[in-house]
Amino acid sequence: MKILYSIYQICFALPVLLLLTILTALTTIVGSMIGGAHIWGYYPAKVWSRLVCYLLLLPVHVQGREKLHSRTSYVFVPNHQGAFDIFLIYGFLNRNFKWMMKKSLRKIPFVGKACESAGHIFVDRSNPKKILATMRQAESSLTDGVSLVVFPEGARTYTGKLGPFKRGAFQLADDLQLAVVPVTISGSFQILPRTGKWIHRHALQMVIHDPIPPKGQGAENVRATMAEALTAVESALPVEYRSSEKKEG
């Protein structure tokens, strides 16, 4: 069965998905120039992400979408198991959002330009002035129910285990007084881990936890929200992928 799946992905799925990726990127770039990034920066990529999962025969299970209000902006903080986290969130979160991503991703052919056209936020930590500009861009994006997605671990895990959270997303939520929504992703590590080269068929699961509203403002609120979010994310992970880390890395 594994051999047949490998043949299928090499001979059919991956070539089709490469073509779809280029078409989606071009649609996003051109559409954002003609119309609004609010529409073209989200829906083409949503369709593309769903097609990626369907063509690779990956079952998807989502829990908790009913906990979200349609016109409310949130800061979503999912764990980062692997590359397929992107497709799961884009395709199945069912929320218009902006990514906060590393500036190095801008260099990816087609995809980097599409992300820029869509209004996703590239984080530049080279100096305080650029960090402030990043925060201002994020603030201006979070209107009319548009949300923000940030991986608080900062990078994909090497082991599958949940890593410590960094405070950036929680500081932004505190500054803007937005609710933080923890999201647990499972299965992505088995499909394609950070050091993997081949895609393996496995179910993807996304659990959306209760939003954590701000209970104040300042350093204490940031720490409390970060700890509560990490506990929530960890609670829906398989035991072998949980971590006892509770502090900022």
C-alpha atoms as a PDB file:
ATOM      1  CA  MET A   1       0.000   0.000   0.000  1.00  0.00           C
ATOM      2  CA  LYS A   2       2.840   2.395   0.850  1.00  0.00           C
ATOM      3  CA  ILE A   3       4.490   1.650  -2.498  1.00  0.00           C
ATOM      4  CA  LEU A   4       1.253   2.355  -4.382  1.00  0.00           C
ATOM      5  CA  TYR A   5       0.795   5.623  -2.496  1.00  0.00           C
ATOM      6  CA  SER A   6       4.366   6.671  -3.315  1.00  0.00           C
ATOM      7  CA  ILE A   7       3.792   5.956  -7.009  1.00  0.00           C
ATOM      8  CA  TYR A   8       0.511   7.883  -6.922  1.00  0.00           C
ATOM      9  CA  GLN A   9       2.018  10.977  -5.313  1.00  0.00           C
ATOM     10  CA  ILE A  10       5.077  11.027  -7.602  1.00  0.00           C
ATOM     11  CA  CYS A  11       3.317  10.326 -10.876  1.00  0.00           C
ATOM     12  CA  PHE A  12       0.074  12.226 -10.361  1.00  0.00           C
ATOM     13  CA  ALA A  13      -0.569  14.141  -7.129  1.00  0.00           C
ATOM     14  CA  LEU A  14       2.647  16.138  -6.812  1.00  0.00           C
ATOM     15  CA  PRO A  15       2.826  17.307 -10.480  1.00  0.00           C
ATOM     16  CA  VAL A  16      -0.825  18.397 -10.306  1.00  0.00           C
ATOM     17  CA  LEU A  17      -0.256  20.159  -6.999  1.00  0.00           C
ATOM     18  CA  LEU A  18       2.800  21.986  -8.351  1.00  0.00           C
ATOM     19  CA  LEU A  19       0.686  23.319 -11.211  1.00  0.00           C
ATOM     20  CA  LEU A  20      -2.114  24.246  -8.802  1.00  0.00           C
ATOM     21  CA  THR A  21       0.354  26.073  -6.555  1.00  0.00           C
ATOM     22  CA  ILE A  22       1.607  28.225  -9.412  1.00  0.00           C
ATOM     23  CA  LEU A  23      -1.937  28.952 -10.629  1.00  0.00           C
ATOM     24  CA  THR A  24      -3.084  29.824  -7.099  1.00  0.00           C
ATOM     25  CA  ALA A  25      -0.132  32.162  -6.594  1.00  0.00           C
ATOM     26  CA  LEU A  26      -0.748  33.922  -9.911  1.00  0.00           C
ATOM     27  CA  THR A  27      -4.489  34.213  -9.180  1.00  0.00           C
ATOM     28  CA  THR A  28      -3.725  35.737  -5.789  1.00  0.00           C
ATOM     29  CA  ILE A  29      -1.213  38.215  -7.206  1.00  0.00           C
ATOM     30  CA  VAL A  30      -3.375  39.370 -10.114  1.00  0.00           C
ATOM     31  CA  GLY A  31      -6.619  39.323  -8.114  1.00  0.00           C
ATOM     32  CA  SER A  32      -5.111  41.388  -5.291  1.00  0.00           C
ATOM     33  CA  MET A  33      -3.933  43.970  -7.828  1.00  0.00           C
ATOM     34  CA  ILE A  34      -7.359  44.215  -9.483  1.00  0.00           C
ATOM     35  CA  GLY A  35      -9.692  43.824  -6.501  1.00  0.00           C
ATOM     36  CA  GLY A  36      -9.086  43.459  -2.788  1.00  0.00           C
ATOM     37  CA  ALA A  37      -6.593  41.328  -0.911  1.00  0.00           C
ATOM     38  CA  HIS A  38      -9.384  40.633   1.594  1.00  0.00           C
ATOM     39  CA  ILE A  39     -10.947  38.267  -0.964  1.00  0.00           C
ATOM     40  CA  TRP A  40      -8.121  37.259  -3.281  1.00  0.00           C
ATOM     41  CA  GLY A  41      -5.639  36.840  -0.464  1.00  0.00           C
ATOM     42  CA  TYR A  42      -7.738  34.176   1.209  1.00  0.00           C
ATOM     43  CA  TYR A  43     -10.206  32.214  -0.938  1.00  0.00           C
ATOM     44  CA  PRO A  44      -7.865  30.963  -3.721  1.00  0.00           C
ATOM     45  CA  ALA A  45      -5.460  29.669  -1.081  1.00  0.00           C
ATOM     46  CA  LYS A  46      -8.319  28.077   0.853  1.00  0.00           C
ATOM     47  CA  VAL A  47      -9.405  26.123  -2.237  1.00  0.00           C
ATOM     48  CA  TRP A  48      -5.770  25.242  -3.030  1.00  0.00           C
ATOM     49  CA  SER A  49      -5.182  23.918   0.496  1.00  0.00           C
ATOM     50  CA  ARG A  50      -8.279  21.748   0.405  1.00  0.00           C
ATOM     51  CA  LEU A  51      -7.261  20.341  -2.978  1.00  0.00           C
ATOM     52  CA  VAL A  52      -3.809  19.510  -1.577  1.00  0.00           C
ATOM     53  CA  CYS A  53      -5.407  17.420   1.178  1.00  0.00           C
ATOM     54  CA  TYR A  54      -7.969  15.794  -1.112  1.00  0.00           C
ATOM     55  CA  LEU A  55      -5.482  14.908  -3.866  1.00  0.00           C
ATOM     56  CA  LEU A  56      -3.084  13.409  -1.324  1.00  0.00           C
ATOM     57  CA  LEU A  57      -5.985  11.390   0.163  1.00  0.00           C
ATOM     58  CA  LEU A  58      -5.544  12.864   3.637  1.00  0.00           C
ATOM     59  CA  PRO A  59      -8.590  12.570   5.940  1.00  0.00           C
ATOM     60  CA  VAL A  60      -9.303  15.820   7.818  1.00  0.00           C
ATOM     61  CA  HIS A  61     -11.196  16.196  11.099  1.00  0.00           C
ATOM     62  CA  VAL A  62     -12.017  19.569  12.671  1.00  0.00           C
ATOM     63  CA  GLN A  63     -13.555  20.268  16.080  1.00  0.00           C
ATOM     64  CA  GLY A  64     -14.619  23.507  17.715  1.00  0.00           C
ATOM     65  CA  ARG A  65     -15.428  25.927  14.880  1.00  0.00           C
ATOM     66  CA  GLU A  66     -18.756  26.664  16.576  1.00  0.00           C
ATOM     67  CA  LYS A  67     -16.845  28.422  19.391  1.00  0.00           C
ATOM     68  CA  LEU A  68     -15.945  31.341  17.116  1.00  0.00           C
ATOM     69  CA  HIS A  69     -18.038  34.410  16.315  1.00  0.00           C
ATOM     70  CA  SER A  70     -18.187  35.267  12.618  1.00  0.00           C
ATOM     71  CA  ARG A  71     -17.442  39.022  12.847  1.00  0.00           C
ATOM     72  CA  THR A  72     -14.842  38.861  15.608  1.00  0.00           C
ATOM     73  CA  SER A  73     -11.097  39.149  15.017  1.00  0.00           C
ATOM     74  CA  TYR A  74      -8.906  36.694  16.916  1.00  0.00           C
ATOM     75  CA  VAL A  75      -5.244  35.808  17.305  1.00  0.00           C
ATOM     76  CA  PHE A  76      -5.000  32.065  16.579  1.00  0.00           C
ATOM     77  CA  VAL A  77      -2.015  30.252  18.123  1.00  0.00           C
ATOM     78  CA  PRO A  78      -1.608  26.686  16.760  1.00  0.00           C
ATOM     79  CA  ASN A  79       1.237  24.297  17.457  1.00  0.00           C
ATOM     80  CA  HIS A  80       3.582  23.724  14.508  1.00  0.00           C
ATOM     81  CA  GLN A  81       4.049  20.010  13.776  1.00  0.00           C
ATOM     82  CA  GLY A  82       4.965  20.173  10.099  1.00  0.00           C
ATOM     83  CA  ALA A  83       4.440  21.670   6.658  1.00  0.00           C
ATOM     84  CA  PHE A  84       0.871  20.376   6.408  1.00  0.00           C
ATOM     85  CA  ASP A  85      -0.204  22.652   9.252  1.00  0.00           C
ATOM     86  CA  ILE A  86      -0.424  25.346   6.576  1.00  0.00           C
ATOM     87  CA  PHE A  87      -2.890  23.421   4.419  1.00  0.00           C
ATOM     88  CA  LEU A  88      -4.983  22.376   7.404  1.00  0.00           C
ATOM     89  CA  ILE A  89      -5.371  25.913   8.744  1.00  0.00           C
ATOM     90  CA  TYR A  90      -5.808  27.627   5.365  1.00  0.00           C
ATOM     91  CA  GLY A  91      -8.242  25.063   4.067  1.00  0.00           C
ATOM     92  CA  PHE A  92     -10.320  24.162   7.099  1.00  0.00           C
ATOM     93  CA  LEU A  93     -10.232  26.902   9.742  1.00  0.00           C
ATOM     94  CA  ASN A  94     -12.975  28.689   7.752  1.00  0.00           C
ATOM     95  CA  ARG A  95     -11.769  32.123   8.876  1.00  0.00           C
ATOM     96  CA  ASN A  96     -10.376  34.938   6.766  1.00  0.00           C
ATOM     97  CA  PHE A  97      -6.994  35.660   8.308  1.00  0.00           C
ATOM     98  CA  LYS A  98      -3.471  36.907   7.792  1.00  0.00           C
ATOM     99  CA  TRP A  99      -0.386  34.872   8.540  1.00  0.00           C
ATOM    100  CA  MET A 100       2.471  36.309  10.571  1.00  0.00           C
ATOM    101  CA  MET A 101       5.490  34.621   8.995  1.00  0.00           C
ATOM    102  CA  LYS A 102       9.278  34.746   8.771  1.00  0.00           C
ATOM    103  CA  LYS A 103      10.558  37.295   6.248  1.00  0.00           C
ATOM    104  CA  SER A 104      12.715  34.595   4.596  1.00  0.00           C
ATOM    105  CA  LEU A 105       9.517  33.045   3.165  1.00  0.00           C
ATOM    106  CA  ARG A 106       9.189  36.055   0.851  1.00  0.00           C
ATOM    107  CA  LYS A 107      11.998  34.536  -1.240  1.00  0.00           C
ATOM    108  CA  ILE A 108       9.990  31.412  -2.222  1.00  0.00           C
ATOM    109  CA  PRO A 109       9.199  31.653  -5.967  1.00  0.00           C
ATOM    110  CA  PHE A 110       5.561  32.574  -6.703  1.00  0.00           C
ATOM    111  CA  VAL A 111       4.432  31.797  -3.132  1.00  0.00           C
ATOM    112  CA  GLY A 112       6.414  34.618  -1.525  1.00  0.00           C
ATOM    113  CA  LYS A 113       5.042  37.231  -3.909  1.00  0.00           C
ATOM    114  CA  ALA A 114       1.516  35.855  -3.488  1.00  0.00           C
ATOM    115  CA  CYS A 115       1.795  36.138   0.297  1.00  0.00           C
ATOM    116  CA  GLU A 116       3.002  39.719  -0.037  1.00  0.00           C
ATOM    117  CA  SER A 117       0.124  40.579  -2.400  1.00  0.00           C
ATOM    118  CA  ALA A 118      -2.362  38.955  -0.028  1.00  0.00           C
ATOM    119  CA  GLY A 119      -1.250  41.218   2.803  1.00  0.00           C
ATOM    120  CA  HIS A 120       0.317  38.552   4.990  1.00  0.00           C
ATOM    121  CA  ILE A 121       2.758  39.941   7.512  1.00  0.00           C
ATOM    122  CA  PHE A 122       6.478  39.240   7.218  1.00  0.00           C
ATOM    123  CA  VAL A 123       8.205  39.597  10.577  1.00  0.00           C
ATOM    124  CA  ASP A 124      11.440  41.578  10.523  1.00  0.00           C
ATOM    125  CA  ARG A 125      13.197  41.458  13.887  1.00  0.00           C
ATOM    126  CA  SER A 126      16.377  43.191  12.707  1.00  0.00           C
ATOM    127  CA  ASN A 127      15.704  46.332  14.754  1.00  0.00           C
ATOM    128  CA  PRO A 128      13.018  47.837  17.050  1.00  0.00           C
ATOM    129  CA  LYS A 129      11.734  50.199  14.338  1.00  0.00           C
ATOM    130  CA  LYS A 130      10.958  47.310  11.979  1.00  0.00           C
ATOM    131  CA  ILE A 131       9.356  45.284  14.771  1.00  0.00           C
ATOM    132  CA  LEU A 132       7.089  48.254  15.492  1.00  0.00           C
ATOM    133  CA  ALA A 133       6.207  48.507  11.780  1.00  0.00           C
ATOM    134  CA  THR A 134       5.271  44.802  11.815  1.00  0.00           C
ATOM    135  CA  MET A 135       2.957  45.382  14.780  1.00  0.00           C
ATOM    136  CA  ARG A 136       1.318  48.353  13.052  1.00  0.00           C
ATOM    137  CA  GLN A 137       0.700  46.282   9.913  1.00  0.00           C
ATOM    138  CA  ALA A 138      -0.870  43.525  11.989  1.00  0.00           C
ATOM    139  CA  GLU A 139      -3.094  46.022  13.779  1.00  0.00           C
ATOM    140  CA  SER A 140      -4.348  47.530  10.511  1.00  0.00           C
ATOM    141  CA  SER A 141      -5.150  44.051   9.118  1.00  0.00           C
ATOM    142  CA  LEU A 142      -7.377  42.966  11.994  1.00  0.00           C
ATOM    143  CA  THR A 143     -10.668  44.540  10.923  1.00  0.00           C
ATOM    144  CA  ASP A 144     -14.110  43.228   9.879  1.00  0.00           C
ATOM    145  CA  GLY A 145     -13.521  39.805  11.397  1.00  0.00           C
ATOM    146  CA  VAL A 146     -10.123  39.237   9.755  1.00  0.00           C
ATOM    147  CA  SER A 147      -7.906  37.373  12.201  1.00  0.00           C
ATOM    148  CA  LEU A 148      -4.219  36.636  12.623  1.00  0.00           C
ATOM    149  CA  VAL A 149      -2.498  33.238  12.744  1.00  0.00           C
ATOM    150  CA  VAL A 150       0.860  32.944  14.501  1.00  0.00           C
ATOM    151  CA  PHE A 151       2.834  29.798  15.352  1.00  0.00           C
ATOM    152  CA  PRO A 152       3.990  30.679  18.886  1.00  0.00           C
ATOM    153  CA  GLU A 153       6.698  28.004  18.903  1.00  0.00           C
ATOM    154  CA  GLY A 154       8.384  30.020  16.158  1.00  0.00           C
ATOM    155  CA  ALA A 155       9.311  27.055  13.939  1.00  0.00           C
ATOM    156  CA  ARG A 156       8.326  23.464  13.160  1.00  0.00           C
ATOM    157  CA  THR A 157       9.187  20.890  15.784  1.00  0.00           C
ATOM    158  CA  TYR A 158      11.989  18.412  15.055  1.00  0.00           C
ATOM    159  CA  THR A 159      10.588  15.692  17.333  1.00  0.00           C
ATOM    160  CA  GLY A 160       6.829  16.156  17.142  1.00  0.00           C
ATOM    161  CA  LYS A 161       6.774  17.369  20.745  1.00  0.00           C
ATOM    162  CA  LEU A 162       5.204  20.691  21.655  1.00  0.00           C
ATOM    163  CA  GLY A 163       7.858  23.329  22.249  1.00  0.00           C
ATOM    164  CA  PRO A 164       7.783  26.382  24.535  1.00  0.00           C
ATOM    165  CA  PHE A 165       5.775  29.374  23.336  1.00  0.00           C
ATOM    166  CA  LYS A 166       7.331  32.727  22.521  1.00  0.00           C
ATOM    167  CA  ARG A 167       5.519  35.820  23.687  1.00  0.00           C
ATOM    168  CA  GLY A 168       5.193  37.812  20.433  1.00  0.00           C
ATOM    169  CA  ALA A 169       1.653  36.718  19.480  1.00  0.00           C
ATOM    170  CA  PHE A 170       0.441  37.151  23.060  1.00  0.00           C
ATOM    171  CA  GLN A 171       1.999  40.587  23.353  1.00  0.00           C
ATOM    172  CA  LEU A 172       0.217  41.631  20.158  1.00  0.00           C
ATOM    173  CA  ALA A 173      -3.106  40.275  21.437  1.00  0.00           C
ATOM    174  CA  ASP A 174      -2.542  42.146  24.691  1.00  0.00           C
ATOM    175  CA  ASP A 175      -1.733  45.411  22.890  1.00  0.00           C
ATOM    176  CA  LEU A 176      -4.870  45.145  20.733  1.00  0.00           C
ATOM    177  CA  GLN A 177      -7.025  43.574  23.480  1.00  0.00           C
ATOM    178  CA  LEU A 178      -8.033  40.635  21.260  1.00  0.00           C
ATOM    179  CA  ALA A 179      -8.969  37.135  22.354  1.00  0.00           C
ATOM    180  CA  VAL A 180      -6.375  34.405  21.785  1.00  0.00           C
ATOM    181  CA  VAL A 181      -7.625  31.105  20.337  1.00  0.00           C
ATOM    182  CA  PRO A 182      -5.427  28.041  21.013  1.00  0.00           C
ATOM    183  CA  VAL A 183      -5.476  25.464  18.206  1.00  0.00           C
ATOM    184  CA  THR A 184      -4.153  21.901  18.462  1.00  0.00           C
ATOM    185  CA  ILE A 185      -2.896  20.214  15.282  1.00  0.00           C
ATOM    186  CA  SER A 186      -2.272  16.471  15.192  1.00  0.00           C
ATOM    187  CA  GLY A 187      -1.120  14.218  12.368  1.00  0.00           C
ATOM    188  CA  SER A 188       0.946  16.725  10.435  1.00  0.00           C
ATOM    189  CA  PHE A 189       4.184  15.405  11.936  1.00  0.00           C
ATOM    190  CA  GLN A 190       3.398  11.898  10.681  1.00  0.00           C
ATOM    191  CA  ILE A 191       2.656  13.160   7.170  1.00  0.00           C
ATOM    192  CA  LEU A 192       5.806  15.213   6.654  1.00  0.00           C
ATOM    193  CA  PRO A 193       8.077  16.044   9.604  1.00  0.00           C
ATOM    194  CA  ARG A 194      10.631  18.822   9.405  1.00  0.00           C
ATOM    195  CA  THR A 195      13.425  16.435   8.414  1.00  0.00           C
ATOM    196  CA  GLY A 196      11.241  14.259   6.152  1.00  0.00           C
ATOM    197  CA  LYS A 197      11.490  13.935   2.375  1.00  0.00           C
ATOM    198  CA  TRP A 198       8.420  11.818   1.564  1.00  0.00           C
ATOM    199  CA  ILE A 199       4.747  12.376   2.250  1.00  0.00           C
ATOM    200  CA  HIS A 200       3.045   9.649   4.280  1.00  0.00           C
ATOM    201  CA  ARG A 201      -0.713   9.218   4.357  1.00  0.00           C
ATOM    202  CA  HIS A 202      -2.176  10.003   7.767  1.00  0.00           C
ATOM    203  CA  ALA A 203      -5.278  11.721   9.163  1.00  0.00           C
ATOM    204  CA  LEU A 204      -5.069  15.409  10.046  1.00  0.00           C
ATOM    205  CA  GLN A 205      -6.917  16.731  13.069  1.00  0.00           C
ATOM    206  CA  MET A 206      -7.489  20.313  14.196  1.00  0.00           C
ATOM    207  CA  VAL A 207      -9.068  21.136  17.565  1.00  0.00           C
ATOM    208  CA  ILE A 208     -10.155  24.748  18.109  1.00  0.00           C
ATOM    209  CA  HIS A 209     -10.262  25.574  21.806  1.00  0.00           C
ATOM    210  CA  ASP A 210     -12.302  28.198  23.636  1.00  0.00           C
ATOM    211  CA  PRO A 211     -11.125  31.773  22.989  1.00  0.00           C
ATOM    212  CA  ILE A 212      -9.144  33.294  25.854  1.00  0.00           C
ATOM    213  CA  PRO A 213     -10.344  36.885  26.314  1.00  0.00           C
ATOM    214  CA  PRO A 214      -7.988  39.509  27.749  1.00  0.00           C
ATOM    215  CA  LYS A 215      -8.320  39.716  31.522  1.00  0.00           C
ATOM    216  CA  GLY A 216      -6.388  42.928  31.815  1.00  0.00           C
ATOM    217  CA  GLN A 217      -3.431  44.484  30.038  1.00  0.00           C
ATOM    218  CA  GLY A 218       0.284  44.291  30.596  1.00  0.00           C
ATOM    219  CA  ALA A 219       2.989  41.735  31.329  1.00  0.00           C
ATOM    220  CA  GLU A 220       0.890  39.732  33.790  1.00  0.00           C
ATOM    221  CA  ASN A 221      -1.925  39.286  31.272  1.00  0.00           C
ATOM    222  CA  VAL A 222       0.573  38.233  28.592  1.00  0.00           C
ATOM    223  CA  ARG A 223       2.133  35.573  30.837  1.00  0.00           C
ATOM    224  CA  ALA A 224      -1.216  34.231  32.002  1.00  0.00           C
ATOM    225  CA  THR A 225      -2.653  34.031  28.482  1.00  0.00           C
ATOM    226  CA  MET A 226       0.476  32.343  27.150  1.00  0.00           C
ATOM    227  CA  ALA A 227       0.400  29.697  29.893  1.00  0.00           C
ATOM    228  CA  GLU A 228      -3.338  29.074  29.435  1.00  0.00           C
ATOM    229  CA  ALA A 229      -2.938  28.746  25.652  1.00  0.00           C
ATOM    230  CA  LEU A 230      -0.053  26.285  25.947  1.00  0.00           C
ATOM    231  CA  THR A 231      -2.034  24.149  28.399  1.00  0.00           C
ATOM    232  CA  ALA A 232      -5.038  24.114  26.046  1.00  0.00           C
ATOM    233  CA  VAL A 233      -2.979  23.180  22.979  1.00  0.00           C
ATOM    234  CA  GLU A 234      -1.198  20.435  24.896  1.00  0.00           C
ATOM    235  CA  SER A 235      -4.435  18.973  26.268  1.00  0.00           C
ATOM    236  CA  ALA A 236      -5.556  17.695  22.851  1.00  0.00           C
ATOM    237  CA  LEU A 237      -2.187  16.289  21.766  1.00  0.00           C
ATOM    238  CA  PRO A 238      -1.330  12.589  21.974  1.00  0.00           C
ATOM    239  CA  VAL A 239       0.649  11.939  25.156  1.00  0.00           C
ATOM    240  CA  GLU A 240       3.905  11.274  23.299  1.00  0.00           C
ATOM    241  CA  TYR A 241       3.837  14.760  21.763  1.00  0.00           C
ATOM    242  CA  ARG A 242       3.123  16.722  24.916  1.00  0.00           C
ATOM    243  CA  SER A 243       5.718  18.821  26.673  1.00  0.00           C
ATOM    244  CA  SER A 244       6.133  19.930  30.243  1.00  0.00           C
ATOM    245  CA  GLU A 245       7.569  23.280  29.096  1.00  0.00           C
ATOM    246  CA  LYS A 246       5.401  26.182  30.204  1.00  0.00           C
ATOM    247  CA  LYS A 247       7.688  29.141  29.790  1.00  0.00           C
ATOM    248  CA  GLU A 248       8.782  31.336  26.933  1.00  0.00           C
ATOM    249  CA  GLY A 249      11.674  30.019  24.869  1.00  0.00           C
END
